[in-house]
Amino acid sequence: MQFVVLPAIGQSGLAPLLVQEVATRLVPLLVGLTAVCVALQAFALLRSEGLSSLLRDMRGQLLLTVAVMAMSYFAVLRYWPEAEYWLRFSYLVMAFCGLLLVLQPVPGAPVRR
């Protein structure tokens, strides 16, 4: 039964609409989760390195960039929802900064050389 229904949904054009509808609902939730995770990581960085680490440390700069992009995402989504390119750009910048954050050393851990 499942093998008959899926091609029929694809031929009728409902599958792309369903994917688009799910994406429009889940992407803002994912950006919100990203903002919460950035706040937790910034708190951990502040506790281990101090306030000045937000501006002079690479981790702090990446966290600030992600926070600004998340705020701009929600501002554009609310006041200018037709700007799909900006929404996609801010989403991709957050993803790239997240990748760079994964490559950074853990706050408080000794630096290996």
PDB file of N, CA and C in Angstrom:
ATOM      1  N   MET A   1       0.821  -1.195   0.000  1.00  0.00           N
ATOM      2  CA  MET A   1       0.000   0.000   0.000  1.00  0.00           C
ATOM      3  C   MET A   1       0.863   1.257   0.000  1.00  0.00           C
ATOM      4  N   GLN A   2       1.924   1.259   0.793  1.00  0.00           N
ATOM      5  CA  GLN A   2       2.789   2.421   0.891  1.00  0.00           C
ATOM      6  C   GLN A   2       3.482   2.702  -0.441  1.00  0.00           C
ATOM      7  N   PHE A   3       3.858   1.660  -1.173  1.00  0.00           N
ATOM      8  CA  PHE A   3       4.562   1.839  -2.430  1.00  0.00           C
ATOM      9  C   PHE A   3       3.654   2.404  -3.511  1.00  0.00           C
ATOM     10  N   VAL A   4       2.355   2.260  -3.373  1.00  0.00           N
ATOM     11  CA  VAL A   4       1.411   2.795  -4.338  1.00  0.00           C
ATOM     12  C   VAL A   4       1.096   4.254  -4.019  1.00  0.00           C
ATOM     13  N   VAL A   5       1.035   4.606  -2.763  1.00  0.00           N
ATOM     14  CA  VAL A   5       0.629   5.947  -2.356  1.00  0.00           C
ATOM     15  C   VAL A   5       1.727   6.972  -2.620  1.00  0.00           C
ATOM     16  N   LEU A   6       2.990   6.657  -2.324  1.00  0.00           N
ATOM     17  CA  LEU A   6       4.066   7.627  -2.463  1.00  0.00           C
ATOM     18  C   LEU A   6       4.255   8.110  -3.903  1.00  0.00           C
ATOM     19  N   PRO A   7       4.292   7.237  -4.911  1.00  0.00           N
ATOM     20  CA  PRO A   7       4.397   7.768  -6.281  1.00  0.00           C
ATOM     21  C   PRO A   7       3.169   8.580  -6.692  1.00  0.00           C
ATOM     22  N   ALA A   8       2.019   8.220  -6.191  1.00  0.00           N
ATOM     23  CA  ALA A   8       0.817   8.981  -6.517  1.00  0.00           C
ATOM     24  C   ALA A   8       0.884  10.381  -5.926  1.00  0.00           C
ATOM     25  N   ILE A   9       1.413  10.504  -4.731  1.00  0.00           N
ATOM     26  CA  ILE A   9       1.572  11.823  -4.107  1.00  0.00           C
ATOM     27  C   ILE A   9       2.595  12.639  -4.892  1.00  0.00           C
ATOM     28  N   GLY A  10       3.669  11.994  -5.321  1.00  0.00           N
ATOM     29  CA  GLY A  10       4.684  12.694  -6.106  1.00  0.00           C
ATOM     30  C   GLY A  10       4.159  13.161  -7.445  1.00  0.00           C
ATOM     31  N   GLN A  11       3.340  12.377  -8.110  1.00  0.00           N
ATOM     32  CA  GLN A  11       2.789  12.752  -9.412  1.00  0.00           C
ATOM     33  C   GLN A  11       1.739  13.843  -9.292  1.00  0.00           C
ATOM     34  N   SER A  12       1.010  13.868  -8.203  1.00  0.00           N
ATOM     35  CA  SER A  12      -0.044  14.869  -8.061  1.00  0.00           C
ATOM     36  C   SER A  12       0.500  16.238  -7.658  1.00  0.00           C
ATOM     37  N   GLY A  13       1.767  16.304  -7.247  1.00  0.00           N
ATOM     38  CA  GLY A  13       2.355  17.585  -6.870  1.00  0.00           C
ATOM     39  C   GLY A  13       2.139  17.941  -5.414  1.00  0.00           C
ATOM     40  N   LEU A  14       1.607  17.036  -4.627  1.00  0.00           N
ATOM     41  CA  LEU A  14       1.380  17.316  -3.209  1.00  0.00           C
ATOM     42  C   LEU A  14       2.646  17.200  -2.382  1.00  0.00           C
ATOM     43  N   ALA A  15       3.594  16.379  -2.808  1.00  0.00           N
ATOM     44  CA  ALA A  15       4.808  16.175  -2.015  1.00  0.00           C
ATOM     45  C   ALA A  15       5.618  17.464  -1.859  1.00  0.00           C
ATOM     46  N   PRO A  16       5.889  18.233  -2.924  1.00  0.00           N
ATOM     47  CA  PRO A  16       6.642  19.477  -2.713  1.00  0.00           C
ATOM     48  C   PRO A  16       5.903  20.467  -1.822  1.00  0.00           C
ATOM     49  N   LEU A  17       4.576  20.512  -1.931  1.00  0.00           N
ATOM     50  CA  LEU A  17       3.814  21.408  -1.067  1.00  0.00           C
ATOM     51  C   LEU A  17       3.910  20.979   0.385  1.00  0.00           C
ATOM     52  N   LEU A  18       3.882  19.671   0.619  1.00  0.00           N
ATOM     53  CA  LEU A  18       3.989  19.155   1.978  1.00  0.00           C
ATOM     54  C   LEU A  18       5.367  19.450   2.561  1.00  0.00           C
ATOM     55  N   VAL A  19       6.408  19.251   1.777  1.00  0.00           N
ATOM     56  CA  VAL A  19       7.769  19.528   2.241  1.00  0.00           C
ATOM     57  C   VAL A  19       7.928  21.011   2.540  1.00  0.00           C
ATOM     58  N   GLN A  20       7.394  21.863   1.676  1.00  0.00           N
ATOM     59  CA  GLN A  20       7.489  23.306   1.896  1.00  0.00           C
ATOM     60  C   GLN A  20       6.721  23.719   3.150  1.00  0.00           C
ATOM     61  N   GLU A  21       5.574  23.139   3.383  1.00  0.00           N
ATOM     62  CA  GLU A  21       4.783  23.470   4.570  1.00  0.00           C
ATOM     63  C   GLU A  21       5.505  23.037   5.850  1.00  0.00           C
ATOM     64  N   VAL A  22       6.075  21.858   5.830  1.00  0.00           N
ATOM     65  CA  VAL A  22       6.823  21.379   6.998  1.00  0.00           C
ATOM     66  C   VAL A  22       8.045  22.268   7.244  1.00  0.00           C
ATOM     67  N   ALA A  23       8.725  22.669   6.171  1.00  0.00           N
ATOM     68  CA  ALA A  23       9.914  23.519   6.317  1.00  0.00           C
ATOM     69  C   ALA A  23       9.550  24.885   6.876  1.00  0.00           C
ATOM     70  N   THR A  24       8.442  25.464   6.437  1.00  0.00           N
ATOM     71  CA  THR A  24       8.065  26.785   6.949  1.00  0.00           C
ATOM     72  C   THR A  24       7.690  26.738   8.421  1.00  0.00           C
ATOM     73  N   ARG A  25       7.301  25.587   8.905  1.00  0.00           N
ATOM     74  CA  ARG A  25       6.970  25.463  10.329  1.00  0.00           C
ATOM     75  C   ARG A  25       8.180  25.084  11.186  1.00  0.00           C
ATOM     76  N   LEU A  26       9.074  24.264  10.651  1.00  0.00           N
ATOM     77  CA  LEU A  26      10.178  23.756  11.457  1.00  0.00           C
ATOM     78  C   LEU A  26      11.416  24.649  11.471  1.00  0.00           C
ATOM     79  N   VAL A  27      11.673  25.376  10.402  1.00  0.00           N
ATOM     80  CA  VAL A  27      12.888  26.202  10.350  1.00  0.00           C
ATOM     81  C   VAL A  27      12.879  27.283  11.434  1.00  0.00           C
ATOM     82  N   PRO A  28      11.787  28.023  11.665  1.00  0.00           N
ATOM     83  CA  PRO A  28      11.818  28.979  12.785  1.00  0.00           C
ATOM     84  C   PRO A  28      12.031  28.313  14.143  1.00  0.00           C
ATOM     85  N   LEU A  29      11.500  27.117  14.326  1.00  0.00           N
ATOM     86  CA  LEU A  29      11.757  26.395  15.579  1.00  0.00           C
ATOM     87  C   LEU A  29      13.228  26.022  15.709  1.00  0.00           C
ATOM     88  N   LEU A  30      13.834  25.636  14.601  1.00  0.00           N
ATOM     89  CA  LEU A  30      15.249  25.291  14.614  1.00  0.00           C
ATOM     90  C   LEU A  30      16.117  26.518  14.895  1.00  0.00           C
ATOM     91  N   VAL A  31      15.742  27.662  14.345  1.00  0.00           N
ATOM     92  CA  VAL A  31      16.488  28.901  14.605  1.00  0.00           C
ATOM     93  C   VAL A  31      16.313  29.307  16.072  1.00  0.00           C
ATOM     94  N   GLY A  32      15.125  29.123  16.624  1.00  0.00           N
ATOM     95  CA  GLY A  32      14.906  29.404  18.043  1.00  0.00           C
ATOM     96  C   GLY A  32      15.741  28.497  18.935  1.00  0.00           C
ATOM     97  N   LEU A  33      15.811  27.222  18.589  1.00  0.00           N
ATOM     98  CA  LEU A  33      16.656  26.291  19.335  1.00  0.00           C
ATOM     99  C   LEU A  33      18.125  26.700  19.232  1.00  0.00           C
ATOM    100  N   THR A  34      18.526  27.179  18.062  1.00  0.00           N
ATOM    101  CA  THR A  34      19.888  27.669  17.874  1.00  0.00           C
ATOM    102  C   THR A  34      20.168  28.853  18.793  1.00  0.00           C
ATOM    103  N   ALA A  35      19.209  29.763  18.912  1.00  0.00           N
ATOM    104  CA  ALA A  35      19.391  30.930  19.783  1.00  0.00           C
ATOM    105  C   ALA A  35      19.536  30.512  21.245  1.00  0.00           C
ATOM    106  N   VAL A  36      18.765  29.525  21.670  1.00  0.00           N
ATOM    107  CA  VAL A  36      18.875  29.030  23.046  1.00  0.00           C
ATOM    108  C   VAL A  36      20.242  28.373  23.261  1.00  0.00           C
ATOM    109  N   CYS A  37      20.692  27.595  22.298  1.00  0.00           N
ATOM    110  CA  CYS A  37      21.997  26.938  22.425  1.00  0.00           C
ATOM    111  C   CYS A  37      23.131  27.955  22.432  1.00  0.00           C
ATOM    112  N   VAL A  38      22.997  29.026  21.643  1.00  0.00           N
ATOM    113  CA  VAL A  38      24.007  30.085  21.641  1.00  0.00           C
ATOM    114  C   VAL A  38      24.068  30.752  23.006  1.00  0.00           C
ATOM    115  N   ALA A  39      22.908  30.986  23.608  1.00  0.00           N
ATOM    116  CA  ALA A  39      22.889  31.604  24.937  1.00  0.00           C
ATOM    117  C   ALA A  39      23.587  30.704  25.962  1.00  0.00           C
ATOM    118  N   LEU A  40      23.345  29.405  25.903  1.00  0.00           N
ATOM    119  CA  LEU A  40      24.003  28.471  26.828  1.00  0.00           C
ATOM    120  C   LEU A  40      25.511  28.435  26.594  1.00  0.00           C
ATOM    121  N   GLN A  41      25.919  28.416  25.333  1.00  0.00           N
ATOM    122  CA  GLN A  41      27.349  28.388  25.042  1.00  0.00           C
ATOM    123  C   GLN A  41      28.022  29.699  25.430  1.00  0.00           C
ATOM    124  N   ALA A  42      27.336  30.814  25.229  1.00  0.00           N
ATOM    125  CA  ALA A  42      27.901  32.104  25.642  1.00  0.00           C
ATOM    126  C   ALA A  42      28.036  32.164  27.160  1.00  0.00           C
ATOM    127  N   PHE A  43      27.066  31.611  27.871  1.00  0.00           N
ATOM    128  CA  PHE A  43      27.148  31.560  29.329  1.00  0.00           C
ATOM    129  C   PHE A  43      28.349  30.722  29.772  1.00  0.00           C
ATOM    130  N   ALA A  44      28.551  29.575  29.123  1.00  0.00           N
ATOM    131  CA  ALA A  44      29.701  28.727  29.464  1.00  0.00           C
ATOM    132  C   ALA A  44      31.014  29.435  29.147  1.00  0.00           C
ATOM    133  N   LEU A  45      31.059  30.155  28.038  1.00  0.00           N
ATOM    134  CA  LEU A  45      32.270  30.887  27.684  1.00  0.00           C
ATOM    135  C   LEU A  45      32.535  32.025  28.664  1.00  0.00           C
ATOM    136  N   LEU A  46      31.487  32.718  29.065  1.00  0.00           N
ATOM    137  CA  LEU A  46      31.650  33.809  30.032  1.00  0.00           C
ATOM    138  C   LEU A  46      32.132  33.296  31.385  1.00  0.00           C
ATOM    139  N   ARG A  47      31.620  32.158  31.808  1.00  0.00           N
ATOM    140  CA  ARG A  47      32.035  31.598  33.105  1.00  0.00           C
ATOM    141  C   ARG A  47      33.490  31.131  33.077  1.00  0.00           C
ATOM    142  N   SER A  48      33.925  30.607  31.954  1.00  0.00           N
ATOM    143  CA  SER A  48      35.284  30.067  31.925  1.00  0.00           C
ATOM    144  C   SER A  48      36.334  31.087  31.506  1.00  0.00           C
ATOM    145  N   GLU A  49      36.000  31.993  30.606  1.00  0.00           N
ATOM    146  CA  GLU A  49      36.997  32.911  30.058  1.00  0.00           C
ATOM    147  C   GLU A  49      36.806  34.368  30.469  1.00  0.00           C
ATOM    148  N   GLY A  50      35.619  34.764  30.891  1.00  0.00           N
ATOM    149  CA  GLY A  50      35.369  36.146  31.272  1.00  0.00           C
ATOM    150  C   GLY A  50      34.656  36.934  30.183  1.00  0.00           C
ATOM    151  N   LEU A  51      34.278  38.164  30.521  1.00  0.00           N
ATOM    152  CA  LEU A  51      33.472  38.992  29.628  1.00  0.00           C
ATOM    153  C   LEU A  51      34.223  39.422  28.368  1.00  0.00           C
ATOM    154  N   SER A  52      35.485  39.665  28.486  1.00  0.00           N
ATOM    155  CA  SER A  52      36.246  40.134  27.320  1.00  0.00           C
ATOM    156  C   SER A  52      36.401  39.059  26.243  1.00  0.00           C
ATOM    157  N   SER A  53      36.154  37.796  26.586  1.00  0.00           N
ATOM    158  CA  SER A  53      36.312  36.721  25.610  1.00  0.00           C
ATOM    159  C   SER A  53      35.243  36.770  24.524  1.00  0.00           C
ATOM    160  N   LEU A  54      34.119  37.461  24.785  1.00  0.00           N
ATOM    161  CA  LEU A  54      33.085  37.556  23.756  1.00  0.00           C
ATOM    162  C   LEU A  54      33.550  38.348  22.543  1.00  0.00           C
ATOM    163  N   LEU A  55      34.450  39.295  22.750  1.00  0.00           N
ATOM    164  CA  LEU A  55      34.895  40.120  21.632  1.00  0.00           C
ATOM    165  C   LEU A  55      36.254  39.727  21.071  1.00  0.00           C
ATOM    166  N   ARG A  56      37.138  39.199  21.909  1.00  0.00           N
ATOM    167  CA  ARG A  56      38.494  38.930  21.404  1.00  0.00           C
ATOM    168  C   ARG A  56      38.723  37.461  21.071  1.00  0.00           C
ATOM    169  N   ASP A  57      37.886  36.571  21.555  1.00  0.00           N
ATOM    170  CA  ASP A  57      38.035  35.145  21.283  1.00  0.00           C
ATOM    171  C   ASP A  57      37.212  34.773  20.052  1.00  0.00           C
ATOM    172  N   MET A  58      37.726  33.847  19.257  1.00  0.00           N
ATOM    173  CA  MET A  58      37.021  33.409  18.044  1.00  0.00           C
ATOM    174  C   MET A  58      35.669  32.786  18.381  1.00  0.00           C
ATOM    175  N   ARG A  59      35.610  32.032  19.480  1.00  0.00           N
ATOM    176  CA  ARG A  59      34.334  31.417  19.875  1.00  0.00           C
ATOM    177  C   ARG A  59      33.307  32.481  20.203  1.00  0.00           C
ATOM    178  N   GLY A  60      33.715  33.507  20.928  1.00  0.00           N
ATOM    179  CA  GLY A  60      32.801  34.585  21.286  1.00  0.00           C
ATOM    180  C   GLY A  60      32.308  35.343  20.070  1.00  0.00           C
ATOM    181  N   GLN A  61      33.195  35.597  19.121  1.00  0.00           N
ATOM    182  CA  GLN A  61      32.795  36.297  17.904  1.00  0.00           C
ATOM    183  C   GLN A  61      31.812  35.468  17.084  1.00  0.00           C
ATOM    184  N   LEU A  62      32.051  34.170  17.022  1.00  0.00           N
ATOM    185  CA  LEU A  62      31.115  33.298  16.297  1.00  0.00           C
ATOM    186  C   LEU A  62      29.764  33.238  17.005  1.00  0.00           C
ATOM    187  N   LEU A  63      29.782  33.171  18.326  1.00  0.00           N
ATOM    188  CA  LEU A  63      28.522  33.155  19.067  1.00  0.00           C
ATOM    189  C   LEU A  63      27.748  34.454  18.888  1.00  0.00           C
ATOM    190  N   LEU A  64      28.445  35.580  18.905  1.00  0.00           N
ATOM    191  CA  LEU A  64      27.774  36.860  18.675  1.00  0.00           C
ATOM    192  C   LEU A  64      27.210  36.942  17.263  1.00  0.00           C
ATOM    193  N   THR A  65      27.931  36.421  16.297  1.00  0.00           N
ATOM    194  CA  THR A  65      27.445  36.411  14.914  1.00  0.00           C
ATOM    195  C   THR A  65      26.174  35.589  14.790  1.00  0.00           C
ATOM    196  N   VAL A  66      26.157  34.424  15.408  1.00  0.00           N
ATOM    197  CA  VAL A  66      24.971  33.575  15.353  1.00  0.00           C
ATOM    198  C   VAL A  66      23.804  34.244  16.068  1.00  0.00           C
ATOM    199  N   ALA A  67      24.064  34.891  17.191  1.00  0.00           N
ATOM    200  CA  ALA A  67      22.988  35.574  17.918  1.00  0.00           C
ATOM    201  C   ALA A  67      22.396  36.709  17.083  1.00  0.00           C
ATOM    202  N   VAL A  68      23.247  37.482  16.420  1.00  0.00           N
ATOM    203  CA  VAL A  68      22.758  38.574  15.566  1.00  0.00           C
ATOM    204  C   VAL A  68      21.982  38.013  14.383  1.00  0.00           C
ATOM    205  N   MET A  69      22.460  36.941  13.791  1.00  0.00           N
ATOM    206  CA  MET A  69      21.755  36.338  12.658  1.00  0.00           C
ATOM    207  C   MET A  69      20.405  35.752  13.078  1.00  0.00           C
ATOM    208  N   ALA A  70      20.335  35.167  14.263  1.00  0.00           N
ATOM    209  CA  ALA A  70      19.052  34.634  14.740  1.00  0.00           C
ATOM    210  C   ALA A  70      18.064  35.762  14.997  1.00  0.00           C
ATOM    211  N   MET A  71      18.540  36.855  15.597  1.00  0.00           N
ATOM    212  CA  MET A  71      17.642  37.995  15.826  1.00  0.00           C
ATOM    213  C   MET A  71      17.186  38.607  14.504  1.00  0.00           C
ATOM    214  N   SER A  72      18.106  38.719  13.551  1.00  0.00           N
ATOM    215  CA  SER A  72      17.716  39.283  12.259  1.00  0.00           C
ATOM    216  C   SER A  72      16.761  38.350  11.526  1.00  0.00           C
ATOM    217  N   TYR A  73      16.937  37.043  11.681  1.00  0.00           N
ATOM    218  CA  TYR A  73      16.028  36.082  11.052  1.00  0.00           C
ATOM    219  C   TYR A  73      14.598  36.312  11.544  1.00  0.00           C
ATOM    220  N   PHE A  74      14.431  36.418  12.862  1.00  0.00           N
ATOM    221  CA  PHE A  74      13.090  36.601  13.396  1.00  0.00           C
ATOM    222  C   PHE A  74      12.526  37.988  13.081  1.00  0.00           C
ATOM    223  N   ALA A  75      13.380  39.007  13.045  1.00  0.00           N
ATOM    224  CA  ALA A  75      12.904  40.346  12.691  1.00  0.00           C
ATOM    225  C   ALA A  75      12.434  40.384  11.239  1.00  0.00           C
ATOM    226  N   VAL A  76      13.213  39.801  10.340  1.00  0.00           N
ATOM    227  CA  VAL A  76      12.823  39.778   8.931  1.00  0.00           C
ATOM    228  C   VAL A  76      11.601  38.896   8.730  1.00  0.00           C
ATOM    229  N   LEU A  77      11.539  37.776   9.439  1.00  0.00           N
ATOM    230  CA  LEU A  77      10.380  36.890   9.316  1.00  0.00           C
ATOM    231  C   LEU A  77       9.098  37.587   9.747  1.00  0.00           C
ATOM    232  N   ARG A  78       9.202  38.448  10.738  1.00  0.00           N
ATOM    233  CA  ARG A  78       8.005  39.147  11.233  1.00  0.00           C
ATOM    234  C   ARG A  78       7.630  40.360  10.385  1.00  0.00           C
ATOM    235  N   TYR A  79       8.627  41.182  10.022  1.00  0.00           N
ATOM    236  CA  TYR A  79       8.320  42.456   9.374  1.00  0.00           C
ATOM    237  C   TYR A  79       8.474  42.448   7.856  1.00  0.00           C
ATOM    238  N   TRP A  80       9.191  41.462   7.302  1.00  0.00           N
ATOM    239  CA  TRP A  80       9.410  41.420   5.866  1.00  0.00           C
ATOM    240  C   TRP A  80       9.488  39.959   5.408  1.00  0.00           C
ATOM    241  N   PRO A  81       8.394  39.210   5.521  1.00  0.00           N
ATOM    242  CA  PRO A  81       8.441  37.766   5.246  1.00  0.00           C
ATOM    243  C   PRO A  81       8.707  37.413   3.782  1.00  0.00           C
ATOM    244  N   GLU A  82       8.606  38.387   2.870  1.00  0.00           N
ATOM    245  CA  GLU A  82       8.868  38.103   1.460  1.00  0.00           C
ATOM    246  C   GLU A  82      10.363  38.011   1.152  1.00  0.00           C
ATOM    247  N   ALA A  83      11.204  38.424   2.072  1.00  0.00           N
ATOM    248  CA  ALA A  83      12.655  38.434   1.850  1.00  0.00           C
ATOM    249  C   ALA A  83      13.227  37.045   2.088  1.00  0.00           C
ATOM    250  N   GLU A  84      12.914  36.124   1.194  1.00  0.00           N
ATOM    251  CA  GLU A  84      13.355  34.739   1.359  1.00  0.00           C
ATOM    252  C   GLU A  84      14.867  34.598   1.235  1.00  0.00           C
ATOM    253  N   TYR A  85      15.480  35.450   0.399  1.00  0.00           N
ATOM    254  CA  TYR A  85      16.938  35.358   0.253  1.00  0.00           C
ATOM    255  C   TYR A  85      17.640  35.715   1.557  1.00  0.00           C
ATOM    256  N   TRP A  86      17.158  36.729   2.273  1.00  0.00           N
ATOM    257  CA  TRP A  86      17.790  37.102   3.540  1.00  0.00           C
ATOM    258  C   TRP A  86      17.571  36.002   4.584  1.00  0.00           C
ATOM    259  N   LEU A  87      16.383  35.424   4.602  1.00  0.00           N
ATOM    260  CA  LEU A  87      16.119  34.345   5.546  1.00  0.00           C
ATOM    261  C   LEU A  87      17.041  33.168   5.280  1.00  0.00           C
ATOM    262  N   ARG A  88      17.201  32.827   4.009  1.00  0.00           N
ATOM    263  CA  ARG A  88      18.087  31.712   3.658  1.00  0.00           C
ATOM    264  C   ARG A  88      19.549  32.054   3.964  1.00  0.00           C
ATOM    265  N   PHE A  89      19.945  33.306   3.671  1.00  0.00           N
ATOM    266  CA  PHE A  89      21.316  33.737   3.947  1.00  0.00           C
ATOM    267  C   PHE A  89      21.625  33.665   5.441  1.00  0.00           C
ATOM    268  N   SER A  90      20.729  34.194   6.271  1.00  0.00           N
ATOM    269  CA  SER A  90      20.990  34.177   7.709  1.00  0.00           C
ATOM    270  C   SER A  90      21.008  32.741   8.238  1.00  0.00           C
ATOM    271  N   TYR A  91      20.170  31.879   7.698  1.00  0.00           N
ATOM    272  CA  TYR A  91      20.164  30.472   8.093  1.00  0.00           C
ATOM    273  C   TYR A  91      21.496  29.811   7.728  1.00  0.00           C
ATOM    274  N   LEU A  92      21.999  30.088   6.535  1.00  0.00           N
ATOM    275  CA  LEU A  92      23.263  29.492   6.113  1.00  0.00           C
ATOM    276  C   LEU A  92      24.450  30.045   6.895  1.00  0.00           C
ATOM    277  N   VAL A  93      24.419  31.339   7.237  1.00  0.00           N
ATOM    278  CA  VAL A  93      25.491  31.904   8.061  1.00  0.00           C
ATOM    279  C   VAL A  93      25.495  31.243   9.438  1.00  0.00           C
ATOM    280  N   MET A  94      24.306  31.030  10.009  1.00  0.00           N
ATOM    281  CA  MET A  94      24.241  30.345  11.306  1.00  0.00           C
ATOM    282  C   MET A  94      24.787  28.924  11.204  1.00  0.00           C
ATOM    283  N   ALA A  95      24.479  28.229  10.115  1.00  0.00           N
ATOM    284  CA  ALA A  95      24.978  26.862   9.936  1.00  0.00           C
ATOM    285  C   ALA A  95      26.501  26.849   9.781  1.00  0.00           C
ATOM    286  N   PHE A  96      27.032  27.790   8.999  1.00  0.00           N
ATOM    287  CA  PHE A  96      28.484  27.849   8.808  1.00  0.00           C
ATOM    288  C   PHE A  96      29.199  28.206  10.102  1.00  0.00           C
ATOM    289  N   CYS A  97      28.655  29.161  10.856  1.00  0.00           N
ATOM    290  CA  CYS A  97      29.258  29.515  12.147  1.00  0.00           C
ATOM    291  C   CYS A  97      29.177  28.338  13.123  1.00  0.00           C
ATOM    292  N   GLY A  98      28.096  27.578  13.064  1.00  0.00           N
ATOM    293  CA  GLY A  98      27.989  26.383  13.901  1.00  0.00           C
ATOM    294  C   GLY A  98      29.054  25.362  13.558  1.00  0.00           C
ATOM    295  N   LEU A  99      29.333  25.218  12.267  1.00  0.00           N
ATOM    296  CA  LEU A  99      30.403  24.307  11.853  1.00  0.00           C
ATOM    297  C   LEU A  99      31.750  24.792  12.364  1.00  0.00           C
ATOM    298  N   LEU A 100      31.993  26.088  12.283  1.00  0.00           N
ATOM    299  CA  LEU A 100      33.249  26.640  12.796  1.00  0.00           C
ATOM    300  C   LEU A 100      33.333  26.518  14.315  1.00  0.00           C
ATOM    301  N   LEU A 101      32.197  26.642  15.008  1.00  0.00           N
ATOM    302  CA  LEU A 101      32.203  26.488  16.468  1.00  0.00           C
ATOM    303  C   LEU A 101      32.540  25.065  16.882  1.00  0.00           C
ATOM    304  N   VAL A 102      32.102  24.109  16.106  1.00  0.00           N
ATOM    305  CA  VAL A 102      32.422  22.708  16.416  1.00  0.00           C
ATOM    306  C   VAL A 102      33.926  22.478  16.325  1.00  0.00           C
ATOM    307  N   LEU A 103      34.585  23.186  15.437  1.00  0.00           N
ATOM    308  CA  LEU A 103      36.028  23.008  15.259  1.00  0.00           C
ATOM    309  C   LEU A 103      36.858  23.739  16.304  1.00  0.00           C
ATOM    310  N   GLN A 104      36.260  24.614  17.100  1.00  0.00           N
ATOM    311  CA  GLN A 104      36.975  25.371  18.127  1.00  0.00           C
ATOM    312  C   GLN A 104      37.192  24.511  19.370  1.00  0.00           C
ATOM    313  N   PRO A 105      38.252  24.799  20.136  1.00  0.00           N
ATOM    314  CA  PRO A 105      38.466  24.033  21.374  1.00  0.00           C
ATOM    315  C   PRO A 105      37.407  24.376  22.435  1.00  0.00           C
ATOM    316  N   VAL A 106      37.190  23.452  23.323  1.00  0.00           N
ATOM    317  CA  VAL A 106      36.213  23.627  24.397  1.00  0.00           C
ATOM    318  C   VAL A 106      36.711  24.707  25.354  1.00  0.00           C
ATOM    319  N   PRO A 107      35.828  25.611  25.829  1.00  0.00           N
ATOM    320  CA  PRO A 107      36.278  26.640  26.775  1.00  0.00           C
ATOM    321  C   PRO A 107      36.833  26.004  28.055  1.00  0.00           C
ATOM    322  N   GLY A 108      37.977  26.458  28.477  1.00  0.00           N
ATOM    323  CA  GLY A 108      38.595  25.957  29.689  1.00  0.00           C
ATOM    324  C   GLY A 108      39.505  24.761  29.485  1.00  0.00           C
ATOM    325  N   ALA A 109      39.482  24.173  28.297  1.00  0.00           N
ATOM    326  CA  ALA A 109      40.340  23.018  28.026  1.00  0.00           C
ATOM    327  C   ALA A 109      41.720  23.508  27.628  1.00  0.00           C
ATOM    328  N   PRO A 110      42.755  22.763  27.967  1.00  0.00           N
ATOM    329  CA  PRO A 110      44.112  23.184  27.554  1.00  0.00           C
ATOM    330  C   PRO A 110      44.244  23.124  26.033  1.00  0.00           C
ATOM    331  N   VAL A 111      44.979  24.076  25.485  1.00  0.00           N
ATOM    332  CA  VAL A 111      45.177  24.135  24.047  1.00  0.00           C
ATOM    333  C   VAL A 111      46.279  23.182  23.648  1.00  0.00           C
ATOM    334  N   ARG A 112      45.992  22.294  22.685  1.00  0.00           N
ATOM    335  CA  ARG A 112      46.994  21.354  22.195  1.00  0.00           C
ATOM    336  C   ARG A 112      47.719  21.982  21.010  1.00  0.00           C
ATOM    337  N   ARG A 113      49.009  21.774  20.958  1.00  0.00           N
ATOM    338  CA  ARG A 113      49.792  22.313  19.830  1.00  0.00           C
ATOM    339  C   ARG A 113      50.544  21.231  19.134  1.00  0.00           C
TER     340      ARG A 113
END
